C-alpha atoms as a PDB file:
ATOM      1  CA  MET A   1      47.290   4.845 -27.425  1.00  0.00           C
ATOM      2  CA  LYS A   2      47.694   7.005 -24.418  1.00  0.00           C
ATOM      3  CA  ASP A   3      45.112   9.600 -25.484  1.00  0.00           C
ATOM      4  CA  ILE A   4      42.693   6.611 -25.414  1.00  0.00           C
ATOM      5  CA  ILE A   5      43.611   5.297 -22.127  1.00  0.00           C
ATOM      6  CA  LYS A   6      43.738   8.320 -20.130  1.00  0.00           C
ATOM      7  CA  PRO A   7      40.301   9.137 -20.202  1.00  0.00           C
ATOM      8  CA  ILE A   8      38.849   6.043 -19.556  1.00  0.00           C
ATOM      9  CA  VAL A   9      40.993   5.438 -16.517  1.00  0.00           C
ATOM     10  CA  VAL A  10      39.676   9.733 -15.516  1.00  0.00           C
ATOM     11  CA  LEU A  11      36.027   8.320 -16.424  1.00  0.00           C
ATOM     12  CA  ALA A  12      36.173   5.162 -14.406  1.00  0.00           C
ATOM     13  CA  SER A  13      37.690   6.762 -11.800  1.00  0.00           C
ATOM     14  CA  ILE A  14      34.954   9.468 -11.261  1.00  0.00           C
ATOM     15  CA  CYS A  15      32.447   6.904 -11.651  1.00  0.00           C
ATOM     16  CA  LEU A  16      34.079   4.546  -8.635  1.00  0.00           C
ATOM     17  CA  VAL A  17      34.231   8.132  -6.529  1.00  0.00           C
ATOM     18  CA  VAL A  18      30.537   8.949  -7.271  1.00  0.00           C
ATOM     19  CA  THR A  19      29.360   5.739  -6.576  1.00  0.00           C
ATOM     20  CA  ALA A  20      31.203   5.263  -2.987  1.00  0.00           C
ATOM     21  CA  VAL A  21      29.741   8.719  -1.811  1.00  0.00           C
ATOM     22  CA  LEU A  22      26.081   7.541  -2.833  1.00  0.00           C
ATOM     23  CA  ALA A  23      26.698   4.137  -1.411  1.00  0.00           C
ATOM     24  CA  TYR A  24      27.826   6.419   1.946  1.00  0.00           C
ATOM     25  CA  VAL A  25      24.959   8.628   1.759  1.00  0.00           C
ATOM     26  CA  ASN A  26      22.621   5.883   1.552  1.00  0.00           C
ATOM     27  CA  THR A  27      23.830   4.445   4.590  1.00  0.00           C
ATOM     28  CA  ILE A  28      23.039   7.512   6.487  1.00  0.00           C
ATOM     29  CA  THR A  29      19.909   8.316   4.820  1.00  0.00           C
ATOM     30  CA  ALA A  30      18.188   4.797   4.749  1.00  0.00           C
ATOM     31  CA  PRO A  31      17.601   4.392   8.694  1.00  0.00           C
ATOM     32  CA  ILE A  32      15.964   7.752   8.465  1.00  0.00           C
ATOM     33  CA  ILE A  33      13.761   6.806   5.427  1.00  0.00           C
ATOM     34  CA  GLN A  34      12.904   3.272   7.196  1.00  0.00           C
ATOM     35  CA  ALA A  35      11.759   5.168  10.476  1.00  0.00           C
ATOM     36  CA  ALA A  36       9.790   7.725   8.173  1.00  0.00           C
ATOM     37  CA  ALA A  37       7.673   4.963   6.169  1.00  0.00           C
ATOM     38  CA  GLU A  38       6.919   3.060   9.933  1.00  0.00           C
ATOM     39  CA  LYS A  39       5.551   6.228  10.951  1.00  0.00           C
ATOM     40  CA  ALA A  40       3.574   6.532   8.270  1.00  0.00           C
ATOM     41  CA  ALA A  41       2.428   3.090   8.124  1.00  0.00           C
ATOM     42  CA  ALA A  42       1.187   3.430  11.902  1.00  0.00           C
ATOM     43  CA  GLN A  43      -0.429   6.867  11.057  1.00  0.00           C
ATOM     44  CA  ALA A  44      -2.442   5.120   8.224  1.00  0.00           C
ATOM     45  CA  ARG A  45      -3.248   2.319  10.740  1.00  0.00           C
ATOM     46  CA  ALA A  46      -5.113   4.590  13.160  1.00  0.00           C
ATOM     47  CA  GLU A  47      -6.704   6.468  10.235  1.00  0.00           C
ATOM     48  CA  VAL A  48      -8.469   3.428   8.514  1.00  0.00           C
ATOM     49  CA  LEU A  49      -9.150   1.758  12.225  1.00  0.00           C
ATOM     50  CA  THR A  50      -9.878   4.785  14.620  1.00  0.00           C
ATOM     51  CA  GLU A  51     -10.871   2.587  17.722  1.00  0.00           C
ATOM     52  CA  ALA A  52      -7.635   0.693  17.782  1.00  0.00           C
ATOM     53  CA  LYS A  53      -5.238   1.933  20.109  1.00  0.00           C
ATOM     54  CA  ASN A  54      -2.323  -0.812  19.165  1.00  0.00           C
ATOM     55  CA  PHE A  55      -1.677  -2.851  16.639  1.00  0.00           C
ATOM     56  CA  GLU A  56      -0.168  -6.331  16.470  1.00  0.00           C
ATOM     57  CA  LYS A  57       1.231  -7.603  13.396  1.00  0.00           C
ATOM     58  CA  LEU A  58       0.014 -11.231  12.325  1.00  0.00           C
ATOM     59  CA  ASP A  59       1.276 -14.087  10.511  1.00  0.00           C
ATOM     60  CA  ILE A  60      -0.954 -15.998   8.585  1.00  0.00           C
ATOM     61  CA  PRO A  61      -0.225 -18.579   6.474  1.00  0.00           C
ATOM     62  CA  GLY A  62      -2.433 -18.729   3.151  1.00  0.00           C
ATOM     63  CA  LEU A  63      -3.131 -15.230   2.505  1.00  0.00           C
ATOM     64  CA  PRO A  64      -4.281 -14.075  -1.077  1.00  0.00           C
ATOM     65  CA  GLU A  65      -1.665 -12.903  -3.299  1.00  0.00           C
ATOM     66  CA  GLY A  66      -1.528  -8.988  -3.319  1.00  0.00           C
ATOM     67  CA  VAL A  67      -2.205  -8.717   0.702  1.00  0.00           C
ATOM     68  CA  THR A  68       1.210  -7.754   2.194  1.00  0.00           C
ATOM     69  CA  ASP A  69       0.527  -7.020   6.001  1.00  0.00           C
ATOM     70  CA  VAL A  70      -2.094  -8.060   8.283  1.00  0.00           C
ATOM     71  CA  PHE A  71      -2.484  -6.437  11.620  1.00  0.00           C
ATOM     72  CA  LYS A  72      -4.833  -6.648  14.663  1.00  0.00           C
ATOM     73  CA  GLY A  73      -6.319  -3.798  16.402  1.00  0.00           C
ATOM     74  CA  SER A  74      -6.201  -3.618  20.038  1.00  0.00           C
ATOM     75  CA  ASN A  75      -9.610  -4.944  22.275  1.00  0.00           C
ATOM     76  CA  ASP A  76     -10.467  -6.528  19.065  1.00  0.00           C
ATOM     77  CA  THR A  77     -11.535  -3.412  17.381  1.00  0.00           C
ATOM     78  CA  GLY A  78     -10.559  -5.100  14.085  1.00  0.00           C
ATOM     79  CA  TYR A  79      -8.040  -5.762  11.404  1.00  0.00           C
ATOM     80  CA  VAL A  80      -5.731  -3.623   9.458  1.00  0.00           C
ATOM     81  CA  ILE A  81      -5.109  -5.164   5.956  1.00  0.00           C
ATOM     82  CA  MET A  82      -2.311  -3.816   3.444  1.00  0.00           C
ATOM     83  CA  MET A  83      -2.415  -4.930  -0.141  1.00  0.00           C
ATOM     84  CA  GLN A  84      -1.648  -3.938  -3.583  1.00  0.00           C
ATOM     85  CA  SER A  85      -3.267  -4.371  -7.169  1.00  0.00           C
ATOM     86  CA  LYS A  86      -2.153  -3.736 -10.162  1.00  0.00           C
ATOM     87  CA  GLY A  87      -3.885  -0.540 -11.912  1.00  0.00           C
ATOM     88  CA  TYR A  88      -3.958   1.031 -14.874  1.00  0.00           C
ATOM     89  CA  GLY A  89      -0.563   2.748 -14.356  1.00  0.00           C
ATOM     90  CA  GLY A  90       1.291   0.668 -12.118  1.00  0.00           C
ATOM     91  CA  ASP A  91       0.771  -0.778  -8.361  1.00  0.00           C
ATOM     92  CA  ILE A  92      -2.037   0.894  -6.362  1.00  0.00           C
ATOM     93  CA  LYS A  93      -0.976  -0.023  -2.601  1.00  0.00           C
ATOM     94  CA  LEU A  94      -3.761   0.284  -0.169  1.00  0.00           C
ATOM     95  CA  ILE A  95      -4.554   0.206   3.596  1.00  0.00           C
ATOM     96  CA  CYS A  96      -8.289  -1.098   4.832  1.00  0.00           C
ATOM     97  CA  GLY A  97      -9.752  -1.135   8.417  1.00  0.00           C
ATOM     98  CA  ILE A  98     -12.280  -3.860   8.811  1.00  0.00           C
ATOM     99  CA  ARG A  99     -14.149  -4.033  11.886  1.00  0.00           C
ATOM    100  CA  PRO A 100     -14.958  -7.642  13.644  1.00  0.00           C
ATOM    101  CA  ASP A 101     -18.194  -8.025  11.968  1.00  0.00           C
ATOM    102  CA  GLY A 102     -16.535  -8.037   8.271  1.00  0.00           C
ATOM    103  CA  SER A 103     -17.362  -4.560   7.443  1.00  0.00           C
ATOM    104  CA  ILE A 104     -14.885  -1.982   6.013  1.00  0.00           C
ATOM    105  CA  GLU A 105     -14.379   1.198   8.326  1.00  0.00           C
ATOM    106  CA  LYS A 106     -11.924   3.038   6.127  1.00  0.00           C
ATOM    107  CA  ILE A 107      -9.574   2.326   3.377  1.00  0.00           C
ATOM    108  CA  LYS A 108      -6.843   4.983   2.261  1.00  0.00           C
ATOM    109  CA  THR A 109      -4.556   4.867  -0.475  1.00  0.00           C
ATOM    110  CA  LEU A 110      -0.626   4.761   0.424  1.00  0.00           C
ATOM    111  CA  SER A 111       0.756   5.121  -2.934  1.00  0.00           C
ATOM    112  CA  HIS A 112      -0.546   4.792  -6.719  1.00  0.00           C
ATOM    113  CA  SER A 113       0.849   5.669 -10.292  1.00  0.00           C
ATOM    114  CA  GLU A 114      -2.364   6.059 -11.604  1.00  0.00           C
ATOM    115  CA  THR A 115      -2.807   8.972 -14.478  1.00  0.00           C
ATOM    116  CA  SER A 116      -3.361  12.204 -13.087  1.00  0.00           C
ATOM    117  CA  GLY A 117      -6.896  13.377 -13.778  1.00  0.00           C
ATOM    118  CA  ILE A 118      -8.024  10.305 -14.620  1.00  0.00           C
ATOM    119  CA  GLY A 119      -7.315   7.173 -12.845  1.00  0.00           C
ATOM    120  CA  SER A 120      -6.238   9.550  -9.700  1.00  0.00           C
ATOM    121  CA  ARG A 121      -9.945  10.012  -9.264  1.00  0.00           C
ATOM    122  CA  VAL A 122     -10.369   6.578  -7.933  1.00  0.00           C
ATOM    123  CA  VAL A 123      -7.229   6.510  -6.061  1.00  0.00           C
ATOM    124  CA  ASP A 124      -6.783   9.609  -4.609  1.00  0.00           C
ATOM    125  CA  ASN A 125      -7.949   9.921  -1.095  1.00  0.00           C
ATOM    126  CA  GLN A 126      -9.832  13.273  -1.718  1.00  0.00           C
ATOM    127  CA  SER A 127     -12.309  11.758  -4.430  1.00  0.00           C
ATOM    128  CA  GLY A 128     -14.587  10.375  -2.000  1.00  0.00           C
ATOM    129  CA  TYR A 129     -14.067   7.046  -3.665  1.00  0.00           C
ATOM    130  CA  SER A 130     -13.164   4.833  -1.292  1.00  0.00           C
ATOM    131  CA  ASP A 131     -15.972   6.192   1.032  1.00  0.00           C
ATOM    132  CA  ARG A 132     -18.349   4.096  -1.098  1.00  0.00           C
ATOM    133  CA  TYR A 133     -16.998   1.179   0.240  1.00  0.00           C
ATOM    134  CA  ALA A 134     -17.241   2.298   3.822  1.00  0.00           C
ATOM    135  CA  GLY A 135     -19.848  -0.382   5.766  1.00  0.00           C
ATOM    136  CA  LYS A 136     -18.999  -2.772   3.105  1.00  0.00           C
ATOM    137  CA  THR A 137     -18.734  -6.967   3.499  1.00  0.00           C
ATOM    138  CA  ILE A 138     -17.550  -9.473   1.112  1.00  0.00           C
ATOM    139  CA  ALA A 139     -21.094 -10.229  -0.050  1.00  0.00           C
ATOM    140  CA  ASP A 140     -22.215  -6.609  -1.238  1.00  0.00           C
ATOM    141  CA  TYR A 141     -18.569  -4.598  -2.185  1.00  0.00           C
ATOM    142  CA  GLU A 142     -18.865  -5.910  -5.627  1.00  0.00           C
ATOM    143  CA  GLN A 143     -22.075  -3.509  -5.887  1.00  0.00           C
ATOM    144  CA  VAL A 144     -19.621  -0.190  -5.753  1.00  0.00           C
ATOM    145  CA  ASP A 145     -19.766   1.489  -9.196  1.00  0.00           C
ATOM    146  CA  ALA A 146     -16.730   1.953 -10.906  1.00  0.00           C
ATOM    147  CA  VAL A 147     -15.651   5.859 -11.963  1.00  0.00           C
ATOM    148  CA  SER A 148     -16.542   6.511 -15.546  1.00  0.00           C
ATOM    149  CA  GLY A 149     -13.440   7.076 -17.646  1.00  0.00           C
ATOM    150  CA  ALA A 150     -11.247   5.112 -15.222  1.00  0.00           C
ATOM    151  CA  THR A 151     -12.488   1.842 -15.254  1.00  0.00           C
ATOM    152  CA  ILE A 152      -9.240  -0.400 -14.954  1.00  0.00           C
ATOM    153  CA  SER A 153      -8.249   1.654 -12.043  1.00  0.00           C
ATOM    154  CA  SER A 154     -11.737   1.322 -10.196  1.00  0.00           C
ATOM    155  CA  LYS A 155     -11.430  -2.644 -11.387  1.00  0.00           C
ATOM    156  CA  ALA A 156      -7.729  -2.532  -9.546  1.00  0.00           C
ATOM    157  CA  TYR A 157      -9.117  -0.744  -6.343  1.00  0.00           C
ATOM    158  CA  LYS A 158     -12.167  -3.467  -6.436  1.00  0.00           C
ATOM    159  CA  ASN A 159      -9.969  -6.255  -6.517  1.00  0.00           C
ATOM    160  CA  ALA A 160      -7.759  -4.793  -3.752  1.00  0.00           C
ATOM    161  CA  VAL A 161     -10.658  -4.354  -1.596  1.00  0.00           C
ATOM    162  CA  GLY A 162     -11.413  -7.866  -2.571  1.00  0.00           C
ATOM    163  CA  LEU A 163      -8.390  -9.117  -1.661  1.00  0.00           C
ATOM    164  CA  ALA A 164      -8.680  -7.362   1.812  1.00  0.00           C
ATOM    165  CA  LEU A 165     -12.175  -8.997   2.706  1.00  0.00           C
ATOM    166  CA  ARG A 166     -10.724 -12.509   1.465  1.00  0.00           C
ATOM    167  CA  ALA A 167      -7.703 -11.910   3.800  1.00  0.00           C
ATOM    168  CA  PHE A 168      -9.879 -10.956   6.707  1.00  0.00           C
ATOM    169  CA  ASP A 169     -12.105 -14.438   6.030  1.00  0.00           C
ATOM    170  CA  LYS A 170      -8.493 -16.276   6.608  1.00  0.00           C
ATOM    171  CA  VAL A 171      -7.665 -14.472   9.928  1.00  0.00           C
ATOM    172  CA  LYS A 172     -11.257 -15.495  11.118  1.00  0.00           C
ATOM    173  CA  GLU A 173     -10.386 -19.251  10.233  1.00  0.00           C
ATOM    174  CA  ALA A 174      -7.034 -19.043  11.495  1.00  0.00           C
ATOM    175  CA  LYS A 175      -8.268 -17.333  14.916  1.00  0.00           C
END
């Protein structure tokens, strides 16, 4: 009986100590990680809506499901909308700058888990796929062709863009 209980107690003690150390490390690193994420988000907002110097977070009820945040650019330069859509490999998180006239200035991928070399051709910021949406509005964004071999990822990307444009309409209505 002693041979069974002793290893259980030792193993439980080790697990308890490791859990306490991980919890302590998490309390130290969580604020640093949060600050880095905020800095990256602020930089992304500045990239997709270049004329805006500052951004104000808006709380608009009734936004489409998948829209996570809406920011208004300073001096009525437009809006930045953060959204996500389900792709082939998981969620695709995007940020979209929309000018006051409803046209897209720029879209940037924040994160994705699409298949490397296939679906990633759609969501990689260097691929040029997002540039196809520049200048598009809610009336013509669906005319952008899908990437061959990455249809599911392309549809997810287009769906996210549609979410942003519909959210823009809601924001304009609430104004």
